[in-house]
Amino acid sequence: VLEGPPTVTVLVATRDRTSELAACLASLLEQDYPGSYDIVVTDSAPSSDATRRFVHDRFDGDHRVRYERSERPGLGLAHNRGLEAATGEVVAITDDDVVVDPQWLSALV
């Protein structure tokens, strides 16, 4: 029996797709999930620091969004880096080009 909803970390792996990531993060931050959740963006061997700058500039001070960098390319490596940074009891993964429904996280958990 759960006393309350579990904490969730949402992992989003990305590489050089800042505009797609922006839409994804906007939809993730509009979730109706009744519990606590955070988002870990893992930048997979990026060719520039555009995504890091975007996340830091847009979400500076917002504890819900964190940036991690994976030095080697690859989706699996990016997911593993994100899992290392995850703090939630449940981990959900989505792609950087996905705009999720506001009830996505509630339905998933």
Protein backbone atom coordinates (compact mmCIF):
# COMPACT_ATOMS: atom_id res chain seq x y z
CA VAL A 1 0.00 0.00 0.00
CA LEU A 2 1.41 3.34 -1.04
CA GLU A 3 1.06 6.23 1.38
CA GLY A 4 1.42 8.70 -1.44
CA PRO A 5 2.58 8.88 -5.00
CA PRO A 6 6.23 7.88 -5.50
CA THR A 7 8.83 10.44 -6.49
CA VAL A 8 9.73 10.26 -10.17
CA THR A 9 12.74 11.20 -12.25
CA VAL A 10 12.06 11.68 -15.96
CA LEU A 11 15.09 11.09 -18.18
CA VAL A 12 15.42 12.89 -21.50
CA ALA A 13 18.45 12.09 -23.63
CA THR A 14 19.32 14.64 -26.29
CA ARG A 15 22.00 15.62 -28.76
CA ASP A 16 22.04 18.89 -30.69
CA ARG A 17 18.25 19.24 -30.75
CA THR A 18 17.62 22.19 -28.47
CA SER A 19 14.41 23.37 -30.14
CA GLU A 20 12.81 19.92 -29.91
CA LEU A 21 14.01 19.62 -26.32
CA ALA A 22 12.39 22.95 -25.42
CA ALA A 23 8.94 21.69 -26.46
CA CYS A 24 9.49 18.39 -24.67
CA LEU A 25 10.50 20.08 -21.42
CA ALA A 26 7.58 22.50 -21.59
CA SER A 27 5.16 19.56 -21.81
CA LEU A 28 6.91 17.69 -19.01
CA LEU A 29 6.65 20.70 -16.71
CA GLU A 30 2.87 20.82 -17.27
CA GLN A 31 2.19 17.35 -15.85
CA ASP A 32 -0.78 16.86 -13.55
CA TYR A 33 1.17 14.32 -11.49
CA PRO A 34 0.16 14.68 -7.82
CA GLY A 35 3.61 13.76 -6.49
CA SER A 36 7.07 15.17 -6.76
CA TYR A 37 9.07 14.73 -9.95
CA ASP A 38 12.21 16.06 -11.55
CA ILE A 39 13.72 15.94 -15.02
CA VAL A 40 17.28 14.98 -15.95
CA VAL A 41 18.42 16.11 -19.39
CA THR A 42 21.40 14.09 -20.58
CA ASP A 43 23.31 15.73 -23.41
CA SER A 44 24.99 12.98 -25.42
CA ALA A 45 28.41 14.11 -26.74
CA PRO A 46 27.07 17.43 -28.05
CA SER A 47 28.84 19.34 -30.80
CA SER A 48 28.30 22.63 -28.96
CA ASP A 49 27.20 23.90 -25.56
CA ALA A 50 23.85 25.21 -26.88
CA THR A 51 21.75 22.71 -24.92
CA ARG A 52 23.68 23.27 -21.70
CA ARG A 53 23.27 27.03 -22.08
CA PHE A 54 19.56 26.64 -22.85
CA VAL A 55 18.90 24.47 -19.80
CA HIS A 56 20.96 26.68 -17.49
CA ASP A 57 19.50 29.94 -18.82
CA ARG A 58 15.88 28.78 -18.97
CA PHE A 59 15.77 26.68 -15.80
CA ASP A 60 18.31 28.41 -13.54
CA GLY A 61 16.99 28.04 -10.01
CA ASP A 62 14.28 25.55 -11.02
CA HIS A 63 15.15 22.43 -9.04
CA ARG A 64 12.91 20.33 -11.29
CA VAL A 65 15.29 20.37 -14.30
CA ARG A 66 18.91 19.22 -14.16
CA TYR A 67 21.54 18.98 -16.87
CA GLU A 68 24.05 16.15 -17.25
CA ARG A 69 26.57 15.60 -20.02
CA SER A 70 27.67 12.28 -21.47
CA GLU A 71 31.07 12.55 -23.10
CA ARG A 72 30.55 9.57 -25.38
CA PRO A 73 27.70 9.41 -27.91
CA GLY A 74 24.94 6.83 -27.74
CA LEU A 75 21.41 6.60 -26.44
CA GLY A 76 22.20 3.77 -24.03
CA LEU A 77 25.16 5.68 -22.60
CA ALA A 78 23.01 8.80 -22.20
CA HIS A 79 20.31 6.80 -20.42
CA ASN A 80 22.90 5.24 -18.12
CA ARG A 81 24.29 8.69 -17.28
CA GLY A 82 20.76 9.86 -16.52
CA LEU A 83 20.13 6.83 -14.31
CA GLU A 84 23.24 7.72 -12.31
CA ALA A 85 21.75 11.16 -11.65
CA ALA A 86 18.18 9.97 -10.99
CA THR A 87 16.78 10.56 -7.52
CA GLY A 88 13.19 9.37 -7.96
CA GLU A 89 11.74 6.11 -6.72
CA VAL A 90 10.43 5.59 -10.26
CA VAL A 91 12.30 6.46 -13.46
CA ALA A 92 10.46 7.34 -16.67
CA ILE A 93 12.19 7.86 -20.00
CA THR A 94 11.03 9.85 -23.00
CA ASP A 95 12.66 11.19 -26.14
CA ASP A 96 13.63 14.80 -26.72
CA ASP A 97 11.28 15.14 -29.71
CA VAL A 98 8.17 14.03 -27.82
CA VAL A 99 5.49 16.33 -26.46
CA VAL A 100 3.76 14.36 -23.71
CA ASP A 101 0.14 14.59 -22.67
CA PRO A 102 -0.45 16.37 -19.33
CA GLN A 103 -1.61 13.07 -17.83
CA TRP A 104 1.31 11.01 -19.17
CA LEU A 105 3.21 10.74 -15.92
CA SER A 106 0.13 9.99 -13.81
CA ALA A 107 -0.95 7.26 -16.22
CA LEU A 108 2.55 5.82 -16.38
CA VAL A 109 3.06 5.64 -12.63
